[in-house]
C-alpha atoms as a PDB file:
ATOM      1  CA  MET A   1     107.136  78.397 157.700  1.00  0.00           C
ATOM      2  CA  LYS A   2     106.729  81.484 156.407  1.00  0.00           C
ATOM      3  CA  PRO A   3     106.522  84.864 158.995  1.00  0.00           C
ATOM      4  CA  LEU A   4     103.759  86.887 159.721  1.00  0.00           C
ATOM      5  CA  TYR A   5     105.565  89.745 161.633  1.00  0.00           C
ATOM      6  CA  ASP A   6     109.453  89.646 162.271  1.00  0.00           C
ATOM      7  CA  ASP A   7     108.970  87.830 165.613  1.00  0.00           C
ATOM      8  CA  LEU A   8     106.252  85.479 164.703  1.00  0.00           C
ATOM      9  CA  TRP A   9     106.210  82.209 162.290  1.00  0.00           C
ATOM     10  CA  ILE A  10     103.386  80.080 161.008  1.00  0.00           C
ATOM     11  CA  SER A  11     103.883  76.533 159.782  1.00  0.00           C
ATOM     12  CA  THR A  12     103.200  74.964 156.400  1.00  0.00           C
ATOM     13  CA  PRO A  13      98.766  73.861 156.913  1.00  0.00           C
ATOM     14  CA  GLU A  14      97.892  70.892 157.995  1.00  0.00           C
ATOM     15  CA  PHE A  15      95.211  68.973 156.137  1.00  0.00           C
ATOM     16  CA  PRO A  16      93.808  66.202 157.518  1.00  0.00           C
ATOM     17  CA  VAL A  17      93.745  63.568 155.162  1.00  0.00           C
ATOM     18  CA  GLU A  18      90.065  62.060 156.390  1.00  0.00           C
ATOM     19  CA  GLU A  19      88.313  65.404 155.237  1.00  0.00           C
ATOM     20  CA  ALA A  20      86.062  64.933 152.992  1.00  0.00           C
ATOM     21  CA  VAL A  21      86.587  68.532 151.781  1.00  0.00           C
ATOM     22  CA  ASN A  22      89.896  69.984 152.584  1.00  0.00           C
ATOM     23  CA  ASP A  23      89.607  72.982 153.564  1.00  0.00           C
ATOM     24  CA  LEU A  24      90.105  72.468 157.796  1.00  0.00           C
ATOM     25  CA  MET A  25      93.691  73.465 158.726  1.00  0.00           C
ATOM     26  CA  MET A  26      96.466  72.710 161.204  1.00  0.00           C
ATOM     27  CA  HIS A  27      99.004  75.652 162.357  1.00  0.00           C
ATOM     28  CA  GLY A  28     101.709  76.107 164.597  1.00  0.00           C
ATOM     29  CA  PHE A  29     103.807  78.982 165.796  1.00  0.00           C
ATOM     30  CA  MET A  30     107.270  80.057 166.371  1.00  0.00           C
ATOM     31  CA  LEU A  31     107.838  82.588 168.388  1.00  0.00           C
ATOM     32  CA  ARG A  32     111.281  84.495 168.162  1.00  0.00           C
ATOM     33  CA  HIS A  33     112.002  85.340 171.388  1.00  0.00           C
ATOM     34  CA  PRO A  34     114.923  86.931 173.058  1.00  0.00           C
ATOM     35  CA  ARG A  35     115.747  84.114 174.492  1.00  0.00           C
ATOM     36  CA  GLY A  36     115.350  81.173 171.640  1.00  0.00           C
ATOM     37  CA  ASN A  37     112.750  80.112 169.569  1.00  0.00           C
ATOM     38  CA  LEU A  38     110.166  78.849 171.286  1.00  0.00           C
ATOM     39  CA  LEU A  39     107.230  76.823 169.319  1.00  0.00           C
ATOM     40  CA  ILE A  40     103.579  76.529 169.347  1.00  0.00           C
ATOM     41  CA  GLY A  41     100.855  73.823 168.579  1.00  0.00           C
ATOM     42  CA  ARG A  42     101.629  71.470 166.033  1.00  0.00           C
ATOM     43  CA  VAL A  43     104.329  71.190 163.642  1.00  0.00           C
ATOM     44  CA  GLU A  44     104.682  68.114 161.321  1.00  0.00           C
ATOM     45  CA  HIS A  45     105.722  68.986 157.865  1.00  0.00           C
ATOM     46  CA  PRO A  46     109.546  68.117 157.533  1.00  0.00           C
ATOM     47  CA  LEU A  47     110.626  71.489 155.456  1.00  0.00           C
ATOM     48  CA  ASP A  48     109.381  73.471 158.118  1.00  0.00           C
ATOM     49  CA  HIS A  49     111.990  71.433 160.950  1.00  0.00           C
ATOM     50  CA  GLU A  50     114.182  71.786 158.087  1.00  0.00           C
ATOM     51  CA  VAL A  51     113.682  75.927 158.565  1.00  0.00           C
ATOM     52  CA  LEU A  52     113.839  75.458 162.471  1.00  0.00           C
ATOM     53  CA  ALA A  53     117.057  74.543 161.927  1.00  0.00           C
ATOM     54  CA  ASP A  54     118.099  77.172 159.639  1.00  0.00           C
ATOM     55  CA  GLU A  55     116.244  79.333 162.003  1.00  0.00           C
ATOM     56  CA  GLY A  56     117.912  78.738 165.094  1.00  0.00           C
ATOM     57  CA  GLY A  57     116.650  75.676 166.358  1.00  0.00           C
ATOM     58  CA  VAL A  58     113.756  75.489 168.873  1.00  0.00           C
ATOM     59  CA  ILE A  59     114.577  75.737 172.767  1.00  0.00           C
ATOM     60  CA  ARG A  60     111.279  74.881 173.924  1.00  0.00           C
ATOM     61  CA  HIS A  61     107.690  73.374 172.571  1.00  0.00           C
ATOM     62  CA  TYR A  62     104.802  74.381 174.101  1.00  0.00           C
ATOM     63  CA  LEU A  63     101.118  72.591 173.490  1.00  0.00           C
ATOM     64  CA  THR A  64      98.035  73.836 174.063  1.00  0.00           C
ATOM     65  CA  HIS A  65      95.728  70.896 173.743  1.00  0.00           C
ATOM     66  CA  TRP A  66      96.737  66.752 174.175  1.00  0.00           C
ATOM     67  CA  HIS A  67      95.955  66.702 170.110  1.00  0.00           C
ATOM     68  CA  GLU A  68      98.531  68.301 169.441  1.00  0.00           C
ATOM     69  CA  ALA A  69     101.468  65.740 170.681  1.00  0.00           C
ATOM     70  CA  ALA A  70     101.785  63.975 167.078  1.00  0.00           C
ATOM     71  CA  PRO A  71     105.069  62.320 165.759  1.00  0.00           C
ATOM     72  CA  GLY A  72     106.623  66.068 164.519  1.00  0.00           C
ATOM     73  CA  ALA A  73     106.820  66.962 167.727  1.00  0.00           C
ATOM     74  CA  ARG A  74     108.805  63.678 169.160  1.00  0.00           C
ATOM     75  CA  ALA A  75     111.286  64.483 165.479  1.00  0.00           C
ATOM     76  CA  ILE A  76     111.499  68.313 166.914  1.00  0.00           C
ATOM     77  CA  GLN A  77     112.496  67.414 170.696  1.00  0.00           C
ATOM     78  CA  GLN A  78     115.138  64.454 170.225  1.00  0.00           C
ATOM     79  CA  ARG A  79     116.794  66.956 166.742  1.00  0.00           C
ATOM     80  CA  PHE A  80     116.785  70.382 168.440  1.00  0.00           C
ATOM     81  CA  SER A  81     117.077  69.034 172.634  1.00  0.00           C
ATOM     82  CA  SER A  82     113.777  71.339 173.329  1.00  0.00           C
ATOM     83  CA  ALA A  83     112.302  71.456 176.917  1.00  0.00           C
ATOM     84  CA  LEU A  84     108.551  70.156 175.811  1.00  0.00           C
ATOM     85  CA  TYR A  85     105.935  71.404 178.212  1.00  0.00           C
ATOM     86  CA  CYS A  86     102.135  70.617 178.560  1.00  0.00           C
ATOM     87  CA  HIS A  87      99.169  71.154 181.356  1.00  0.00           C
ATOM     88  CA  SER A  88      99.390  68.458 183.615  1.00  0.00           C
ATOM     89  CA  ARG A  89      95.805  66.868 182.840  1.00  0.00           C
ATOM     90  CA  SER A  90      97.270  66.463 178.957  1.00  0.00           C
ATOM     91  CA  LEU A  91     100.654  64.603 180.878  1.00  0.00           C
ATOM     92  CA  GLY A  92      98.728  60.926 179.724  1.00  0.00           C
ATOM     93  CA  PRO A  93      97.765  61.189 176.410  1.00  0.00           C
ATOM     94  CA  VAL A  94     100.502  63.290 175.319  1.00  0.00           C
ATOM     95  CA  SER A  95     102.849  60.711 177.025  1.00  0.00           C
ATOM     96  CA  ARG A  96     101.547  57.827 174.706  1.00  0.00           C
ATOM     97  CA  VAL A  97     103.408  59.893 172.558  1.00  0.00           C
ATOM     98  CA  LEU A  98     106.092  61.750 173.794  1.00  0.00           C
ATOM     99  CA  GLU A  99     107.546  62.750 177.397  1.00  0.00           C
ATOM    100  CA  PRO A 100     107.153  65.807 178.605  1.00  0.00           C
ATOM    101  CA  ASP A 101     110.410  67.037 179.869  1.00  0.00           C
ATOM    102  CA  ASP A 102     107.665  69.340 182.782  1.00  0.00           C
ATOM    103  CA  THR A 103     103.605  70.389 183.367  1.00  0.00           C
ATOM    104  CA  PHE A 104     102.235  73.057 184.820  1.00  0.00           C
ATOM    105  CA  THR A 105      98.920  73.425 186.242  1.00  0.00           C
ATOM    106  CA  GLN A 106      98.399  76.768 187.426  1.00  0.00           C
ATOM    107  CA  GLN A 107      99.193  80.084 185.199  1.00  0.00           C
ATOM    108  CA  GLU A 108     102.840  80.375 185.195  1.00  0.00           C
ATOM    109  CA  THR A 109     105.398  83.010 183.329  1.00  0.00           C
ATOM    110  CA  HIS A 110     108.504  81.688 181.576  1.00  0.00           C
ATOM    111  CA  PHE A 111     111.390  84.282 180.831  1.00  0.00           C
ATOM    112  CA  GLY A 112     109.373  87.215 182.345  1.00  0.00           C
ATOM    113  CA  ASP A 113     107.270  87.928 179.496  1.00  0.00           C
ATOM    114  CA  PHE A 114     105.517  84.276 178.244  1.00  0.00           C
ATOM    115  CA  HIS A 115     102.385  83.566 180.167  1.00  0.00           C
ATOM    116  CA  LEU A 116     101.009  80.028 180.523  1.00  0.00           C
ATOM    117  CA  LEU A 117      97.475  80.370 180.945  1.00  0.00           C
ATOM    118  CA  PRO A 118      95.459  77.015 181.381  1.00  0.00           C
ATOM    119  CA  THR A 119      92.113  77.315 179.680  1.00  0.00           C
ATOM    120  CA  PRO A 120      90.549  74.221 180.012  1.00  0.00           C
ATOM    121  CA  GLY A 121      86.783  72.732 178.688  1.00  0.00           C
ATOM    122  CA  HIS A 122      87.459  72.228 175.207  1.00  0.00           C
ATOM    123  CA  THR A 123      90.112  69.121 176.790  1.00  0.00           C
ATOM    124  CA  PRO A 124      91.316  69.192 180.744  1.00  0.00           C
ATOM    125  CA  GLY A 125      94.179  70.475 180.045  1.00  0.00           C
ATOM    126  CA  SER A 126      93.181  73.101 176.881  1.00  0.00           C
ATOM    127  CA  SER A 127      95.989  75.711 177.525  1.00  0.00           C
ATOM    128  CA  SER A 128      96.814  79.445 176.127  1.00  0.00           C
ATOM    129  CA  PHE A 129     100.012  81.509 175.751  1.00  0.00           C
ATOM    130  CA  LEU A 130      99.792  85.471 176.031  1.00  0.00           C
ATOM    131  CA  TYR A 131     103.409  87.281 174.907  1.00  0.00           C
ATOM    132  CA  ALA A 132     103.312  90.925 174.451  1.00  0.00           C
ATOM    133  CA  SER A 133     106.242  91.198 171.879  1.00  0.00           C
ATOM    134  CA  PRO A 134     108.731  94.231 172.501  1.00  0.00           C
ATOM    135  CA  GLN A 135     107.585  95.083 168.303  1.00  0.00           C
ATOM    136  CA  GLY A 136     104.671  96.285 169.892  1.00  0.00           C
ATOM    137  CA  ARG A 137     101.647  93.699 169.787  1.00  0.00           C
ATOM    138  CA  THR A 138     100.305  90.837 171.690  1.00  0.00           C
ATOM    139  CA  TYR A 139      99.694  87.613 170.726  1.00  0.00           C
ATOM    140  CA  LEU A 140      97.369  85.177 172.318  1.00  0.00           C
ATOM    141  CA  PHE A 141      98.242  81.225 171.265  1.00  0.00           C
ATOM    142  CA  VAL A 142      94.050  79.812 172.187  1.00  0.00           C
ATOM    143  CA  GLY A 143      94.679  76.123 170.051  1.00  0.00           C
ATOM    144  CA  ASP A 144      91.419  75.157 169.591  1.00  0.00           C
ATOM    145  CA  THR A 145      89.893  76.476 172.696  1.00  0.00           C
ATOM    146  CA  LEU A 146      88.372  79.651 170.344  1.00  0.00           C
ATOM    147  CA  THR A 147      88.913  78.948 166.616  1.00  0.00           C
ATOM    148  CA  ARG A 148      86.786  80.351 163.650  1.00  0.00           C
ATOM    149  CA  ASP A 149      84.025  77.905 161.151  1.00  0.00           C
ATOM    150  CA  HIS A 150      85.072  79.954 157.698  1.00  0.00           C
ATOM    151  CA  HIS A 151      83.466  83.583 158.801  1.00  0.00           C
ATOM    152  CA  ARG A 152      82.171  83.022 162.204  1.00  0.00           C
ATOM    153  CA  TRP A 153      83.982  82.107 165.468  1.00  0.00           C
ATOM    154  CA  ILE A 154      82.694  78.922 167.410  1.00  0.00           C
ATOM    155  CA  THR A 155      83.839  76.614 170.416  1.00  0.00           C
ATOM    156  CA  VAL A 156      83.892  72.698 170.331  1.00  0.00           C
ATOM    157  CA  LEU A 157      82.405  70.593 172.128  1.00  0.00           C
ATOM    158  CA  VAL A 158      84.564  67.122 171.831  1.00  0.00           C
ATOM    159  CA  PRO A 159      83.988  63.780 173.779  1.00  0.00           C
ATOM    160  CA  GLU A 160      86.680  65.131 176.479  1.00  0.00           C
ATOM    161  CA  SER A 161      84.668  68.404 176.969  1.00  0.00           C
ATOM    162  CA  ASN A 162      83.567  70.182 179.780  1.00  0.00           C
ATOM    163  CA  PRO A 163      80.668  72.843 178.784  1.00  0.00           C
ATOM    164  CA  HIS A 164      81.095  74.406 182.079  1.00  0.00           C
ATOM    165  CA  GLU A 165      84.918  75.054 182.352  1.00  0.00           C
ATOM    166  CA  LEU A 166      84.610  76.373 178.907  1.00  0.00           C
ATOM    167  CA  GLN A 167      82.628  79.344 179.886  1.00  0.00           C
ATOM    168  CA  GLN A 168      85.208  79.666 182.328  1.00  0.00           C
ATOM    169  CA  SER A 169      87.943  80.280 180.172  1.00  0.00           C
ATOM    170  CA  LEU A 170      85.745  82.178 177.717  1.00  0.00           C
ATOM    171  CA  GLU A 171      84.820  84.380 181.016  1.00  0.00           C
ATOM    172  CA  PHE A 172      88.530  84.483 181.628  1.00  0.00           C
ATOM    173  CA  TYR A 173      89.388  85.601 177.736  1.00  0.00           C
ATOM    174  CA  ARG A 174      87.063  89.041 178.170  1.00  0.00           C
ATOM    175  CA  THR A 175      90.064  89.353 180.859  1.00  0.00           C
ATOM    176  CA  LEU A 176      92.969  89.523 177.995  1.00  0.00           C
ATOM    177  CA  ARG A 177      93.757  92.323 175.878  1.00  0.00           C
ATOM    178  CA  PRO A 178      95.584  90.538 172.146  1.00  0.00           C
ATOM    179  CA  ASP A 179      96.837  92.363 169.523  1.00  0.00           C
ATOM    180  CA  VAL A 180      97.114  89.532 167.807  1.00  0.00           C
ATOM    181  CA  VAL A 181      94.663  85.772 168.022  1.00  0.00           C
ATOM    182  CA  LEU A 182      96.473  82.683 167.253  1.00  0.00           C
ATOM    183  CA  LEU A 183      94.034  79.664 166.661  1.00  0.00           C
ATOM    184  CA  SER A 184      96.180  75.234 165.818  1.00  0.00           C
ATOM    185  CA  THR A 185      92.753  74.494 164.100  1.00  0.00           C
ATOM    186  CA  THR A 186      90.231  76.616 161.597  1.00  0.00           C
ATOM    187  CA  ARG A 187      87.951  75.530 158.741  1.00  0.00           C
ATOM    188  CA  GLY A 188      88.002  77.518 155.477  1.00  0.00           C
ATOM    189  CA  HIS A 189      90.047  80.275 156.929  1.00  0.00           C
ATOM    190  CA  LEU A 190      93.535  81.926 158.046  1.00  0.00           C
ATOM    191  CA  SER A 191      94.700  80.611 161.277  1.00  0.00           C
ATOM    192  CA  TRP A 192      95.110  84.438 162.832  1.00  0.00           C
ATOM    193  CA  VAL A 193      93.150  87.094 163.632  1.00  0.00           C
ATOM    194  CA  GLU A 194      94.133  91.072 164.324  1.00  0.00           C
ATOM    195  CA  VAL A 195      91.718  92.199 166.575  1.00  0.00           C
ATOM    196  CA  THR A 196      90.491  95.513 168.233  1.00  0.00           C
ATOM    197  CA  LEU A 197      89.265  95.168 171.882  1.00  0.00           C
ATOM    198  CA  GLN A 198      85.597  95.375 170.590  1.00  0.00           C
ATOM    199  CA  SER A 199      85.860  92.821 167.540  1.00  0.00           C
ATOM    200  CA  TRP A 200      87.219  90.672 170.211  1.00  0.00           C
ATOM    201  CA  LEU A 201      84.869  90.961 172.873  1.00  0.00           C
ATOM    202  CA  ALA A 202      82.190  90.402 169.780  1.00  0.00           C
ATOM    203  CA  ALA A 203      84.147  87.008 168.978  1.00  0.00           C
ATOM    204  CA  ILE A 204      84.048  86.023 172.537  1.00  0.00           C
ATOM    205  CA  ASP A 205      80.357  87.082 172.506  1.00  0.00           C
ATOM    206  CA  GLU A 206      79.408  84.912 168.953  1.00  0.00           C
ATOM    207  CA  ALA A 207      81.765  81.432 169.848  1.00  0.00           C
ATOM    208  CA  GLU A 208      79.229  81.054 173.550  1.00  0.00           C
ATOM    209  CA  GLN A 209      75.900  81.518 171.361  1.00  0.00           C
ATOM    210  CA  GLN A 210      77.005  79.102 169.050  1.00  0.00           C
ATOM    211  CA  PRO A 211      79.482  75.898 169.823  1.00  0.00           C
ATOM    212  CA  LEU A 212      80.141  73.168 167.673  1.00  0.00           C
ATOM    213  CA  ASP A 213      79.011  69.956 169.653  1.00  0.00           C
ATOM    214  CA  MET A 214      80.885  67.008 168.148  1.00  0.00           C
ATOM    215  CA  ARG A 215      80.354  64.758 171.185  1.00  0.00           C
ATOM    216  CA  GLN A 216      78.363  62.375 168.790  1.00  0.00           C
ATOM    217  CA  GLN A 217      80.308  62.957 166.048  1.00  0.00           C
ATOM    218  CA  PRO A 218      83.867  62.631 164.851  1.00  0.00           C
ATOM    219  CA  LEU A 219      86.853  64.507 166.510  1.00  0.00           C
ATOM    220  CA  PHE A 220      87.425  68.183 165.518  1.00  0.00           C
END
């Protein structure tokens, strides 16, 4: 893991071995919250788990969607006694890998400033997380609801996707004002982007116009 900002760290990139061209990257993030370290997304690398230990462990782990449920999440839960959270519509597939400590069904705020935002569409239980850092930046963790394919913004439709819900989630994104957008999976691009209001709205526009339909192809 390495720091992006003083209170936000990114995991070692994970490259799916089945990819013929290794430009598909997966990342998770550690937020250094005043109440304790929060983990968002998928963090599988054992050396990252050692960094988490050196940095004080993890008190809570939030999944943006069930694709992030993996052996590393179970190891983190067991090692740090961290509470795992996911949307209730992700409970079934997540529970096949590890048992969440709690679920949510609607918008919630934890610790008074960490916002849980259901954004279904990519998967039924896809969720985003918003945090206004005391250091002045607002972070938005979008999972795979919005992502980058090299130099373009896209949305991704997989067999379990709901295009109508995805459209509604993108419209909801228009009401948010992030300074940094953090992405769980990208192709050929870094997994975070600093945005202005203009570039953020333009990113949503571009993603709406160019959905990547993988419903008849292998999972993104």
